[in-house]
């Protein structure tokens, strides 16, 4: 039914979004710029340049270099303690014998570091990162590149995403999209299947 499986990383396979939100809120508060969870939800799924632009517009008086430095330090410390996999992730990665590509808006260094810490680096034939495309999610370019790397048609590829941004990218690329919302809720506008967890989504899409 499918020729390949594509996976987002943060919030889809590994539980990093909750860490990013908690450490981000703490970093902004420490610098005198309190933000709430709904504000942080607006950053989910965004690449780093887009996130930076949102923060500059919303907090023009903030010393974002200092905030980001502290945010990154506390996030790194938490990540180094271990990255738990989302429910069903290991079963999917060990299950269907199909080529898999990781498609993330994270930069090359951080993507591979998270994969190493989570212990799933060997699960993917290719890793597409922010550094590999000119237009990141929600543009379709990352998923179109993933399909080209395997020599398959996007319509024959099943994608697992958590965010609206990622689901839109996969949908616009012509893939079949399973969206499993993580922190921020979703109505599944860009999803063919909106699921509460990865394995339910895989069943809804006919993968298992």
N, C-alpha and C. Protein backbone atom coordinates (compact mmCIF):
# COMPACT_ATOMS: atom_id res chain seq x y z
N UNK A 1 0.82 -1.21 0.00
CA UNK A 1 0.00 0.00 0.00
C UNK A 1 0.85 1.26 0.00
N UNK A 2 2.03 1.19 0.63
CA UNK A 2 2.95 2.33 0.68
C UNK A 2 4.34 1.87 0.28
N UNK A 3 5.11 2.82 -0.28
CA UNK A 3 6.48 2.52 -0.67
C UNK A 3 7.49 3.00 0.36
N UNK A 4 7.09 3.92 1.24
CA UNK A 4 8.03 4.48 2.22
C UNK A 4 7.25 5.12 3.36
N UNK A 5 7.95 5.25 4.48
CA UNK A 5 7.41 5.92 5.66
C UNK A 5 8.29 7.11 6.00
N UNK A 6 7.66 8.25 6.21
CA UNK A 6 8.39 9.46 6.61
C UNK A 6 7.92 9.88 8.00
N UNK A 7 8.87 10.27 8.82
CA UNK A 7 8.56 10.66 10.19
C UNK A 7 9.14 12.03 10.52
N UNK A 8 8.33 12.87 11.15
CA UNK A 8 8.84 14.04 11.84
C UNK A 8 9.54 13.55 13.10
N UNK A 9 10.33 14.42 13.73
CA UNK A 9 11.07 14.01 14.92
C UNK A 9 10.45 14.56 16.20
N UNK A 10 10.57 15.86 16.42
CA UNK A 10 10.16 16.47 17.68
C UNK A 10 8.65 16.46 17.85
N UNK A 11 8.19 15.86 18.92
CA UNK A 11 6.77 15.79 19.18
C UNK A 11 6.07 14.64 18.50
N UNK A 12 6.73 14.02 17.51
CA UNK A 12 6.17 12.88 16.80
C UNK A 12 6.80 11.58 17.27
N UNK A 13 8.13 11.52 17.19
CA UNK A 13 8.84 10.32 17.65
C UNK A 13 9.43 10.48 19.03
N UNK A 14 9.91 11.69 19.35
CA UNK A 14 10.53 11.91 20.65
C UNK A 14 9.81 13.03 21.39
N UNK A 15 9.78 12.92 22.71
CA UNK A 15 9.03 13.86 23.54
C UNK A 15 9.90 15.05 23.92
N UNK A 16 10.15 15.92 22.92
CA UNK A 16 10.98 17.10 23.15
C UNK A 16 10.16 18.37 23.32
N UNK A 17 8.94 18.39 22.79
CA UNK A 17 8.16 19.63 22.81
C UNK A 17 7.85 20.07 24.24
N UNK A 18 7.52 19.13 25.12
CA UNK A 18 7.22 19.50 26.50
C UNK A 18 8.45 20.07 27.19
N UNK A 19 9.63 19.51 26.85
CA UNK A 19 10.88 20.03 27.41
C UNK A 19 11.14 21.44 26.90
N UNK A 20 10.96 21.65 25.60
CA UNK A 20 11.21 22.96 25.01
C UNK A 20 10.28 24.02 25.59
N UNK A 21 9.03 23.68 25.79
CA UNK A 21 8.07 24.65 26.33
C UNK A 21 8.41 25.01 27.76
N UNK A 22 8.68 24.01 28.60
CA UNK A 22 8.98 24.26 30.01
C UNK A 22 10.25 25.09 30.17
N UNK A 23 11.31 24.72 29.44
CA UNK A 23 12.57 25.46 29.57
C UNK A 23 12.47 26.84 28.93
N UNK A 24 11.68 26.98 27.87
CA UNK A 24 11.49 28.29 27.24
C UNK A 24 10.75 29.25 28.14
N UNK A 25 9.67 28.79 28.75
CA UNK A 25 8.91 29.64 29.67
C UNK A 25 9.81 30.11 30.81
N UNK A 26 10.62 29.20 31.35
CA UNK A 26 11.52 29.55 32.45
C UNK A 26 12.57 30.57 32.01
N UNK A 27 13.10 30.41 30.79
CA UNK A 27 14.14 31.33 30.30
C UNK A 27 13.57 32.73 30.08
N UNK A 28 12.40 32.84 29.48
CA UNK A 28 11.79 34.15 29.26
C UNK A 28 11.46 34.82 30.59
N UNK A 29 10.95 34.07 31.54
CA UNK A 29 10.61 34.63 32.85
C UNK A 29 11.86 35.14 33.56
N UNK A 30 12.96 34.40 33.44
CA UNK A 30 14.19 34.79 34.11
C UNK A 30 14.73 36.11 33.58
N UNK A 31 14.38 36.46 32.34
CA UNK A 31 14.85 37.71 31.74
C UNK A 31 13.77 38.79 31.77
N UNK A 32 12.73 38.56 32.56
CA UNK A 32 11.70 39.59 32.73
C UNK A 32 10.68 39.68 31.64
N UNK A 33 10.51 38.60 30.86
CA UNK A 33 9.54 38.60 29.77
C UNK A 33 8.68 37.34 29.87
N UNK A 34 7.76 37.30 30.83
CA UNK A 34 6.95 36.10 30.99
C UNK A 34 6.07 35.82 29.77
N UNK A 35 6.04 34.58 29.37
CA UNK A 35 5.16 34.13 28.28
C UNK A 35 4.38 32.93 28.81
N UNK A 36 3.26 32.64 28.16
CA UNK A 36 2.45 31.52 28.61
C UNK A 36 2.49 30.36 27.62
N UNK A 37 1.85 29.27 27.99
CA UNK A 37 1.88 28.07 27.14
C UNK A 37 1.24 28.31 25.77
N UNK A 38 0.10 29.01 25.67
CA UNK A 38 -0.45 29.26 24.33
C UNK A 38 0.53 29.98 23.40
N UNK A 39 1.29 30.94 23.96
CA UNK A 39 2.30 31.62 23.15
C UNK A 39 3.35 30.62 22.66
N UNK A 40 3.80 29.74 23.54
CA UNK A 40 4.80 28.75 23.17
C UNK A 40 4.26 27.76 22.16
N UNK A 41 2.96 27.47 22.26
CA UNK A 41 2.36 26.54 21.30
C UNK A 41 2.47 27.07 19.88
N UNK A 42 2.49 28.39 19.72
CA UNK A 42 2.61 28.99 18.40
C UNK A 42 3.96 28.79 17.76
N UNK A 43 4.92 28.31 18.53
CA UNK A 43 6.26 28.07 17.99
C UNK A 43 6.46 26.61 17.58
N UNK A 44 5.53 25.74 17.95
CA UNK A 44 5.68 24.31 17.69
C UNK A 44 5.67 24.03 16.19
N UNK A 45 6.66 23.25 15.76
CA UNK A 45 6.75 22.87 14.35
C UNK A 45 7.47 23.86 13.48
N UNK A 46 7.82 25.02 14.03
CA UNK A 46 8.48 26.06 13.24
C UNK A 46 9.99 25.81 13.21
N UNK A 47 10.62 26.17 12.10
CA UNK A 47 12.08 26.12 12.03
C UNK A 47 12.67 27.28 12.81
N UNK A 48 13.97 27.22 13.08
CA UNK A 48 14.60 28.22 13.95
C UNK A 48 14.52 29.65 13.41
N UNK A 49 14.78 29.91 12.12
CA UNK A 49 14.64 31.29 11.62
C UNK A 49 13.22 31.84 11.76
N UNK A 50 12.22 31.01 11.50
CA UNK A 50 10.84 31.46 11.64
C UNK A 50 10.51 31.74 13.10
N UNK A 51 10.97 30.87 14.00
CA UNK A 51 10.77 31.08 15.43
C UNK A 51 11.40 32.40 15.87
N UNK A 52 12.61 32.67 15.41
CA UNK A 52 13.31 33.90 15.77
C UNK A 52 12.52 35.13 15.31
N UNK A 53 11.95 35.07 14.12
CA UNK A 53 11.18 36.20 13.60
C UNK A 53 9.92 36.43 14.44
N UNK A 54 9.26 35.35 14.84
CA UNK A 54 8.06 35.47 15.69
C UNK A 54 8.42 36.12 17.02
N UNK A 55 9.53 35.68 17.61
CA UNK A 55 9.94 36.22 18.91
C UNK A 55 10.33 37.69 18.81
N UNK A 56 11.02 38.07 17.75
CA UNK A 56 11.41 39.48 17.58
C UNK A 56 10.19 40.38 17.45
N UNK A 57 9.17 39.88 16.74
CA UNK A 57 7.96 40.67 16.55
C UNK A 57 7.15 40.78 17.84
N UNK A 58 7.10 39.70 18.60
CA UNK A 58 6.27 39.69 19.81
C UNK A 58 6.95 40.34 21.00
N UNK A 59 8.29 40.27 21.04
CA UNK A 59 9.03 40.78 22.20
C UNK A 59 10.19 41.66 21.73
N UNK A 60 9.88 42.81 21.14
CA UNK A 60 10.94 43.65 20.54
C UNK A 60 11.93 44.18 21.57
N UNK A 61 11.55 44.26 22.84
CA UNK A 61 12.45 44.79 23.87
C UNK A 61 13.32 43.72 24.51
N UNK A 62 13.07 42.49 24.20
CA UNK A 62 13.79 41.39 24.86
C UNK A 62 15.18 41.22 24.25
N UNK A 63 16.13 40.86 25.10
CA UNK A 63 17.46 40.48 24.63
C UNK A 63 17.40 39.01 24.25
N UNK A 64 17.00 38.77 23.02
CA UNK A 64 16.74 37.40 22.59
C UNK A 64 18.00 36.54 22.56
N UNK A 65 19.15 37.16 22.33
CA UNK A 65 20.39 36.39 22.35
C UNK A 65 20.60 35.79 23.74
N UNK A 66 20.39 36.61 24.77
CA UNK A 66 20.57 36.13 26.13
C UNK A 66 19.51 35.09 26.50
N UNK A 67 18.26 35.36 26.12
CA UNK A 67 17.19 34.40 26.41
C UNK A 67 17.47 33.07 25.73
N UNK A 68 17.81 33.13 24.46
CA UNK A 68 18.06 31.89 23.71
C UNK A 68 19.26 31.14 24.25
N UNK A 69 20.27 31.86 24.70
CA UNK A 69 21.44 31.20 25.28
C UNK A 69 21.06 30.40 26.52
N UNK A 70 20.27 31.02 27.40
CA UNK A 70 19.85 30.32 28.61
C UNK A 70 18.86 29.20 28.30
N UNK A 71 17.97 29.48 27.36
CA UNK A 71 16.99 28.47 26.96
C UNK A 71 17.70 27.25 26.38
N UNK A 72 18.66 27.49 25.51
CA UNK A 72 19.39 26.38 24.90
C UNK A 72 20.16 25.58 25.93
N UNK A 73 20.79 26.27 26.89
CA UNK A 73 21.57 25.57 27.90
C UNK A 73 20.70 24.65 28.76
N UNK A 74 19.54 25.17 29.18
CA UNK A 74 18.67 24.34 30.01
C UNK A 74 18.02 23.23 29.20
N UNK A 75 17.68 23.51 27.94
CA UNK A 75 17.12 22.48 27.08
C UNK A 75 18.14 21.37 26.83
N UNK A 76 19.38 21.77 26.54
CA UNK A 76 20.43 20.78 26.30
C UNK A 76 20.63 19.87 27.50
N UNK A 77 20.64 20.47 28.68
CA UNK A 77 20.87 19.69 29.89
C UNK A 77 19.76 18.66 30.07
N UNK A 78 18.52 19.06 29.79
CA UNK A 78 17.40 18.13 29.92
C UNK A 78 17.47 17.02 28.87
N UNK A 79 17.83 17.39 27.65
CA UNK A 79 17.91 16.40 26.57
C UNK A 79 18.99 15.37 26.85
N UNK A 80 20.12 15.82 27.37
CA UNK A 80 21.22 14.90 27.66
C UNK A 80 20.85 13.87 28.72
N UNK A 81 19.82 14.17 29.51
CA UNK A 81 19.36 13.20 30.50
C UNK A 81 18.60 12.04 29.84
N UNK A 82 18.24 12.21 28.57
CA UNK A 82 17.53 11.18 27.84
C UNK A 82 16.32 11.73 27.12
N UNK A 83 16.00 11.13 25.99
CA UNK A 83 14.84 11.55 25.20
C UNK A 83 13.86 10.38 25.11
N UNK A 84 12.78 10.44 25.85
CA UNK A 84 11.80 9.35 25.77
C UNK A 84 11.09 9.34 24.42
N UNK A 85 10.84 8.15 23.93
CA UNK A 85 10.09 8.00 22.68
C UNK A 85 8.60 8.15 22.95
N UNK A 86 7.88 8.63 21.97
CA UNK A 86 6.44 8.73 22.06
C UNK A 86 5.83 7.32 22.00
N UNK A 87 4.66 7.14 22.61
CA UNK A 87 4.02 5.82 22.59
C UNK A 87 3.83 5.30 21.16
N UNK A 88 4.25 4.07 20.94
CA UNK A 88 4.11 3.45 19.63
C UNK A 88 5.26 3.68 18.69
N UNK A 89 6.18 4.58 19.03
CA UNK A 89 7.28 4.90 18.11
C UNK A 89 8.17 3.69 17.86
N UNK A 90 8.58 3.00 18.91
CA UNK A 90 9.48 1.87 18.73
C UNK A 90 8.81 0.75 17.94
N UNK A 91 7.52 0.53 18.18
CA UNK A 91 6.82 -0.51 17.43
C UNK A 91 6.79 -0.19 15.94
N UNK A 92 6.55 1.06 15.59
CA UNK A 92 6.52 1.43 14.17
C UNK A 92 7.90 1.35 13.54
N UNK A 93 8.91 1.78 14.27
CA UNK A 93 10.26 1.76 13.72
C UNK A 93 10.81 0.34 13.58
N UNK A 94 10.29 -0.57 14.38
CA UNK A 94 10.74 -1.96 14.31
C UNK A 94 9.79 -2.82 13.49
N UNK A 95 8.71 -2.21 12.99
CA UNK A 95 7.66 -2.97 12.37
C UNK A 95 7.75 -3.11 10.86
N UNK A 96 6.89 -2.41 10.12
CA UNK A 96 6.80 -2.62 8.67
C UNK A 96 8.15 -2.47 7.97
N UNK A 97 8.44 -3.45 7.09
CA UNK A 97 9.72 -3.45 6.38
C UNK A 97 9.64 -2.52 5.18
N UNK A 98 9.63 -1.24 5.46
CA UNK A 98 9.62 -0.22 4.41
C UNK A 98 10.74 0.77 4.69
N UNK A 99 11.32 1.36 3.64
CA UNK A 99 12.35 2.39 3.88
C UNK A 99 11.76 3.57 4.63
N UNK A 100 12.55 4.12 5.53
CA UNK A 100 12.09 5.23 6.38
C UNK A 100 13.03 6.42 6.24
N UNK A 101 12.45 7.61 6.22
CA UNK A 101 13.21 8.85 6.18
C UNK A 101 12.72 9.75 7.31
N UNK A 102 13.65 10.33 8.03
CA UNK A 102 13.32 11.33 9.03
C UNK A 102 13.28 12.69 8.35
N UNK A 103 12.22 13.46 8.57
CA UNK A 103 12.05 14.77 7.93
C UNK A 103 11.77 15.78 9.03
N UNK A 104 12.76 16.62 9.35
CA UNK A 104 12.65 17.51 10.49
C UNK A 104 13.01 18.94 10.14
N UNK A 105 12.45 19.88 10.89
CA UNK A 105 12.80 21.30 10.73
C UNK A 105 13.99 21.68 11.60
N UNK A 106 14.54 20.72 12.33
CA UNK A 106 15.73 20.94 13.13
C UNK A 106 16.96 20.94 12.22
N UNK A 107 17.99 21.69 12.61
CA UNK A 107 19.24 21.69 11.86
C UNK A 107 19.95 20.35 11.93
N UNK A 108 20.92 20.16 11.04
CA UNK A 108 21.62 18.88 10.90
C UNK A 108 22.23 18.41 12.23
N UNK A 109 22.97 19.29 12.90
CA UNK A 109 23.66 18.88 14.13
C UNK A 109 22.68 18.40 15.18
N UNK A 110 21.63 19.20 15.44
CA UNK A 110 20.69 18.86 16.49
C UNK A 110 19.85 17.65 16.15
N UNK A 111 19.49 17.50 14.88
CA UNK A 111 18.70 16.34 14.48
C UNK A 111 19.45 15.05 14.76
N UNK A 112 20.72 15.01 14.34
CA UNK A 112 21.50 13.78 14.54
C UNK A 112 21.83 13.55 16.01
N UNK A 113 21.99 14.62 16.75
CA UNK A 113 22.24 14.48 18.18
C UNK A 113 21.03 13.89 18.89
N UNK A 114 19.85 14.40 18.57
CA UNK A 114 18.64 13.86 19.19
C UNK A 114 18.42 12.40 18.82
N UNK A 115 18.67 12.06 17.56
CA UNK A 115 18.53 10.67 17.14
C UNK A 115 19.48 9.76 17.91
N UNK A 116 20.69 10.24 18.13
CA UNK A 116 21.67 9.44 18.88
C UNK A 116 21.22 9.25 20.32
N UNK A 117 20.79 10.33 20.95
CA UNK A 117 20.37 10.24 22.35
C UNK A 117 19.15 9.33 22.50
N UNK A 118 18.23 9.42 21.54
CA UNK A 118 17.02 8.60 21.60
C UNK A 118 17.28 7.15 21.21
N UNK A 119 18.44 6.89 20.58
CA UNK A 119 18.79 5.52 20.21
C UNK A 119 18.09 5.00 18.97
N UNK A 120 17.71 5.90 18.05
CA UNK A 120 16.97 5.47 16.86
C UNK A 120 17.64 5.90 15.55
N UNK A 121 18.88 6.31 15.61
CA UNK A 121 19.56 6.81 14.41
C UNK A 121 19.62 5.76 13.30
N UNK A 122 19.75 4.50 13.70
CA UNK A 122 19.89 3.42 12.72
C UNK A 122 18.58 3.08 12.02
N UNK A 123 17.51 3.70 12.42
CA UNK A 123 16.18 3.35 11.88
C UNK A 123 15.88 4.00 10.54
N UNK A 124 16.75 4.91 10.07
CA UNK A 124 16.40 5.71 8.90
C UNK A 124 17.42 5.58 7.79
N UNK A 125 16.90 5.44 6.56
CA UNK A 125 17.76 5.40 5.38
C UNK A 125 18.35 6.77 5.09
N UNK A 126 17.60 7.82 5.38
CA UNK A 126 18.04 9.20 5.16
C UNK A 126 17.48 10.08 6.25
N UNK A 127 18.14 11.23 6.46
CA UNK A 127 17.66 12.25 7.39
C UNK A 127 17.64 13.58 6.65
N UNK A 128 16.46 14.17 6.50
CA UNK A 128 16.30 15.47 5.85
C UNK A 128 16.13 16.51 6.95
N UNK A 129 17.01 17.51 6.96
CA UNK A 129 17.00 18.53 8.00
C UNK A 129 16.77 19.92 7.40
N UNK A 130 16.72 20.90 8.27
CA UNK A 130 16.55 22.29 7.85
C UNK A 130 17.65 22.70 6.87
N UNK A 131 18.85 22.15 7.06
CA UNK A 131 19.99 22.54 6.23
C UNK A 131 19.93 21.97 4.82
N UNK A 132 18.99 21.06 4.57
CA UNK A 132 18.95 20.38 3.28
C UNK A 132 17.98 21.00 2.28
N UNK A 133 17.19 21.99 2.71
CA UNK A 133 16.18 22.58 1.83
C UNK A 133 16.23 24.09 1.90
N UNK A 134 15.80 24.73 0.83
CA UNK A 134 15.72 26.19 0.83
C UNK A 134 14.46 26.69 1.51
N UNK A 135 13.38 25.93 1.39
CA UNK A 135 12.10 26.32 1.98
C UNK A 135 11.67 25.25 2.97
N UNK A 136 11.69 25.55 4.27
CA UNK A 136 11.33 24.55 5.28
C UNK A 136 9.82 24.38 5.39
N UNK A 137 9.38 23.44 6.21
CA UNK A 137 7.96 23.28 6.50
C UNK A 137 7.38 24.63 6.95
N UNK A 138 6.19 25.02 6.50
CA UNK A 138 5.14 24.22 5.85
C UNK A 138 5.27 24.09 4.33
N UNK A 139 6.35 24.54 3.75
CA UNK A 139 6.58 24.29 2.32
C UNK A 139 6.74 22.78 2.11
N UNK A 140 6.37 22.28 0.96
CA UNK A 140 6.46 20.83 0.72
C UNK A 140 7.87 20.32 0.44
N UNK A 141 8.83 21.23 0.29
CA UNK A 141 10.17 20.85 -0.15
C UNK A 141 10.81 19.71 0.67
N UNK A 142 10.73 19.72 2.02
CA UNK A 142 11.39 18.63 2.76
C UNK A 142 10.84 17.25 2.41
N UNK A 143 9.54 17.15 2.23
CA UNK A 143 8.96 15.84 1.91
C UNK A 143 9.17 15.46 0.46
N UNK A 144 9.19 16.44 -0.42
CA UNK A 144 9.51 16.15 -1.82
C UNK A 144 10.95 15.64 -1.94
N UNK A 145 11.86 16.23 -1.16
CA UNK A 145 13.24 15.76 -1.16
C UNK A 145 13.33 14.34 -0.62
N UNK A 146 12.60 14.06 0.46
CA UNK A 146 12.62 12.70 1.02
C UNK A 146 12.19 11.67 -0.02
N UNK A 147 11.14 11.99 -0.79
CA UNK A 147 10.67 11.08 -1.82
C UNK A 147 11.71 10.90 -2.91
N UNK A 148 12.36 12.00 -3.31
CA UNK A 148 13.39 11.92 -4.35
C UNK A 148 14.57 11.06 -3.88
N UNK A 149 14.94 11.19 -2.64
CA UNK A 149 16.08 10.41 -2.13
C UNK A 149 15.83 8.91 -2.24
N UNK A 150 14.58 8.51 -2.13
CA UNK A 150 14.25 7.08 -2.22
C UNK A 150 13.78 6.67 -3.62
N UNK A 151 13.55 7.66 -4.48
CA UNK A 151 13.06 7.36 -5.82
C UNK A 151 11.63 6.85 -5.84
N UNK A 152 10.78 7.42 -4.97
CA UNK A 152 9.39 6.99 -4.89
C UNK A 152 8.47 8.18 -5.11
N UNK A 153 7.21 7.89 -5.41
CA UNK A 153 6.22 8.93 -5.60
C UNK A 153 5.68 9.38 -4.25
N UNK A 154 5.55 10.70 -4.02
CA UNK A 154 5.02 11.17 -2.74
C UNK A 154 3.67 10.56 -2.38
N UNK A 155 2.82 10.33 -3.36
CA UNK A 155 1.50 9.77 -3.09
C UNK A 155 1.57 8.37 -2.50
N UNK A 156 2.71 7.70 -2.65
CA UNK A 156 2.90 6.36 -2.12
C UNK A 156 3.62 6.38 -0.78
N UNK A 157 3.74 7.56 -0.18
CA UNK A 157 4.47 7.70 1.08
C UNK A 157 3.52 8.08 2.21
N UNK A 158 3.69 7.41 3.34
CA UNK A 158 2.88 7.69 4.52
C UNK A 158 3.71 8.51 5.51
N UNK A 159 3.16 9.63 5.93
CA UNK A 159 3.87 10.57 6.80
C UNK A 159 3.22 10.60 8.18
N UNK A 160 4.08 10.65 9.21
CA UNK A 160 3.61 10.83 10.59
C UNK A 160 4.11 12.18 11.09
N UNK A 161 3.19 13.04 11.48
CA UNK A 161 3.50 14.39 11.94
C UNK A 161 2.67 14.71 13.18
N UNK A 162 3.14 15.70 13.97
CA UNK A 162 2.34 16.15 15.10
C UNK A 162 1.78 17.55 14.91
N UNK A 163 2.50 18.43 14.22
CA UNK A 163 2.11 19.83 14.16
C UNK A 163 1.34 20.17 12.89
N UNK A 164 0.63 21.29 12.94
CA UNK A 164 -0.05 21.81 11.76
C UNK A 164 0.96 22.13 10.66
N UNK A 165 2.08 22.72 11.07
CA UNK A 165 3.11 23.11 10.11
C UNK A 165 3.62 21.90 9.34
N UNK A 166 3.94 20.84 10.06
CA UNK A 166 4.46 19.64 9.41
C UNK A 166 3.42 18.93 8.57
N UNK A 167 2.19 18.84 9.10
CA UNK A 167 1.13 18.18 8.35
C UNK A 167 0.85 18.91 7.04
N UNK A 168 0.88 20.24 7.08
CA UNK A 168 0.66 21.02 5.86
C UNK A 168 1.75 20.73 4.83
N UNK A 169 2.99 20.66 5.29
CA UNK A 169 4.10 20.38 4.37
C UNK A 169 3.92 19.04 3.68
N UNK A 170 3.57 18.03 4.45
CA UNK A 170 3.39 16.69 3.89
C UNK A 170 2.19 16.63 2.95
N UNK A 171 1.10 17.27 3.35
CA UNK A 171 -0.10 17.29 2.51
C UNK A 171 0.18 17.98 1.18
N UNK A 172 0.86 19.12 1.24
CA UNK A 172 1.17 19.87 0.01
C UNK A 172 2.14 19.12 -0.89
N UNK A 173 2.92 18.23 -0.30
CA UNK A 173 3.83 17.41 -1.10
C UNK A 173 3.11 16.26 -1.79
N UNK A 174 1.87 16.01 -1.38
CA UNK A 174 1.09 14.94 -1.99
C UNK A 174 1.15 13.61 -1.27
N UNK A 175 1.67 13.63 -0.04
CA UNK A 175 1.78 12.40 0.74
C UNK A 175 0.47 12.11 1.48
N UNK A 176 0.37 10.89 1.98
CA UNK A 176 -0.73 10.54 2.87
C UNK A 176 -0.29 10.91 4.29
N UNK A 177 -1.11 11.66 5.00
CA UNK A 177 -0.69 12.27 6.25
C UNK A 177 -1.47 11.73 7.45
N UNK A 178 -0.72 11.21 8.42
CA UNK A 178 -1.26 10.87 9.74
C UNK A 178 -0.76 11.94 10.70
N UNK A 179 -1.69 12.63 11.34
CA UNK A 179 -1.31 13.65 12.31
C UNK A 179 -1.70 13.19 13.71
N UNK A 180 -0.70 13.20 14.60
CA UNK A 180 -0.91 12.84 15.99
C UNK A 180 -0.54 14.07 16.82
N UNK A 181 -1.49 14.94 17.14
CA UNK A 181 -1.17 16.16 17.88
C UNK A 181 -0.46 15.85 19.19
N UNK A 182 0.54 16.67 19.49
CA UNK A 182 1.32 16.46 20.71
C UNK A 182 0.87 17.44 21.79
N UNK A 183 1.45 18.63 21.83
CA UNK A 183 1.10 19.63 22.83
C UNK A 183 -0.10 20.47 22.37
N UNK A 184 0.00 21.01 21.18
CA UNK A 184 -1.06 21.87 20.66
C UNK A 184 -2.15 21.02 20.00
N UNK A 185 -3.42 21.29 20.30
CA UNK A 185 -4.50 20.53 19.67
C UNK A 185 -4.64 20.87 18.19
N UNK A 186 -5.34 20.02 17.46
CA UNK A 186 -5.50 20.25 16.03
C UNK A 186 -6.86 19.71 15.58
N UNK A 187 -7.42 20.35 14.56
CA UNK A 187 -8.63 19.87 13.91
C UNK A 187 -8.30 18.97 12.71
N UNK A 188 -7.00 18.81 12.43
CA UNK A 188 -6.59 17.93 11.34
C UNK A 188 -6.87 18.47 9.96
N UNK A 189 -6.77 19.77 9.80
CA UNK A 189 -7.05 20.38 8.50
C UNK A 189 -6.22 19.78 7.37
N UNK A 190 -4.96 19.48 7.68
CA UNK A 190 -4.03 19.00 6.65
C UNK A 190 -3.81 17.49 6.73
N UNK A 191 -4.58 16.80 7.53
CA UNK A 191 -4.35 15.37 7.75
C UNK A 191 -5.41 14.52 7.05
N UNK A 192 -4.97 13.39 6.52
CA UNK A 192 -5.92 12.40 6.04
C UNK A 192 -6.47 11.58 7.21
N UNK A 193 -5.64 11.44 8.24
CA UNK A 193 -6.04 10.69 9.42
C UNK A 193 -5.56 11.45 10.66
N UNK A 194 -6.48 11.85 11.53
CA UNK A 194 -6.16 12.52 12.78
C UNK A 194 -6.31 11.48 13.89
N UNK A 195 -5.21 11.20 14.60
CA UNK A 195 -5.20 10.08 15.53
C UNK A 195 -4.69 10.49 16.91
N UNK A 196 -5.10 9.76 17.95
CA UNK A 196 -4.63 10.07 19.30
C UNK A 196 -3.23 9.56 19.60
N UNK A 197 -2.74 8.61 18.80
CA UNK A 197 -1.40 8.07 19.01
C UNK A 197 -0.91 7.45 17.70
N UNK A 198 0.37 7.13 17.66
CA UNK A 198 0.99 6.66 16.42
C UNK A 198 0.40 5.34 15.92
N UNK A 199 0.21 4.38 16.80
CA UNK A 199 -0.28 3.08 16.37
C UNK A 199 -1.72 3.16 15.88
N UNK A 200 -2.54 3.96 16.53
CA UNK A 200 -3.91 4.15 16.04
C UNK A 200 -3.87 4.79 14.66
N UNK A 201 -3.00 5.78 14.48
CA UNK A 201 -2.86 6.40 13.17
C UNK A 201 -2.41 5.43 12.11
N UNK A 202 -1.47 4.56 12.46
CA UNK A 202 -0.99 3.56 11.51
C UNK A 202 -2.12 2.61 11.11
N UNK A 203 -2.96 2.25 12.06
CA UNK A 203 -4.09 1.38 11.74
C UNK A 203 -5.10 2.11 10.86
N UNK A 204 -5.37 3.38 11.16
CA UNK A 204 -6.32 4.14 10.37
C UNK A 204 -5.85 4.26 8.92
N UNK A 205 -4.54 4.34 8.73
CA UNK A 205 -3.97 4.49 7.38
C UNK A 205 -3.77 3.15 6.69
N UNK A 206 -4.09 2.05 7.36
CA UNK A 206 -3.94 0.73 6.76
C UNK A 206 -2.54 0.19 6.74
N UNK A 207 -1.66 0.78 7.56
CA UNK A 207 -0.27 0.32 7.59
C UNK A 207 -0.13 -0.96 8.38
N UNK A 208 -0.85 -1.07 9.48
CA UNK A 208 -0.79 -2.26 10.33
C UNK A 208 -2.20 -2.77 10.61
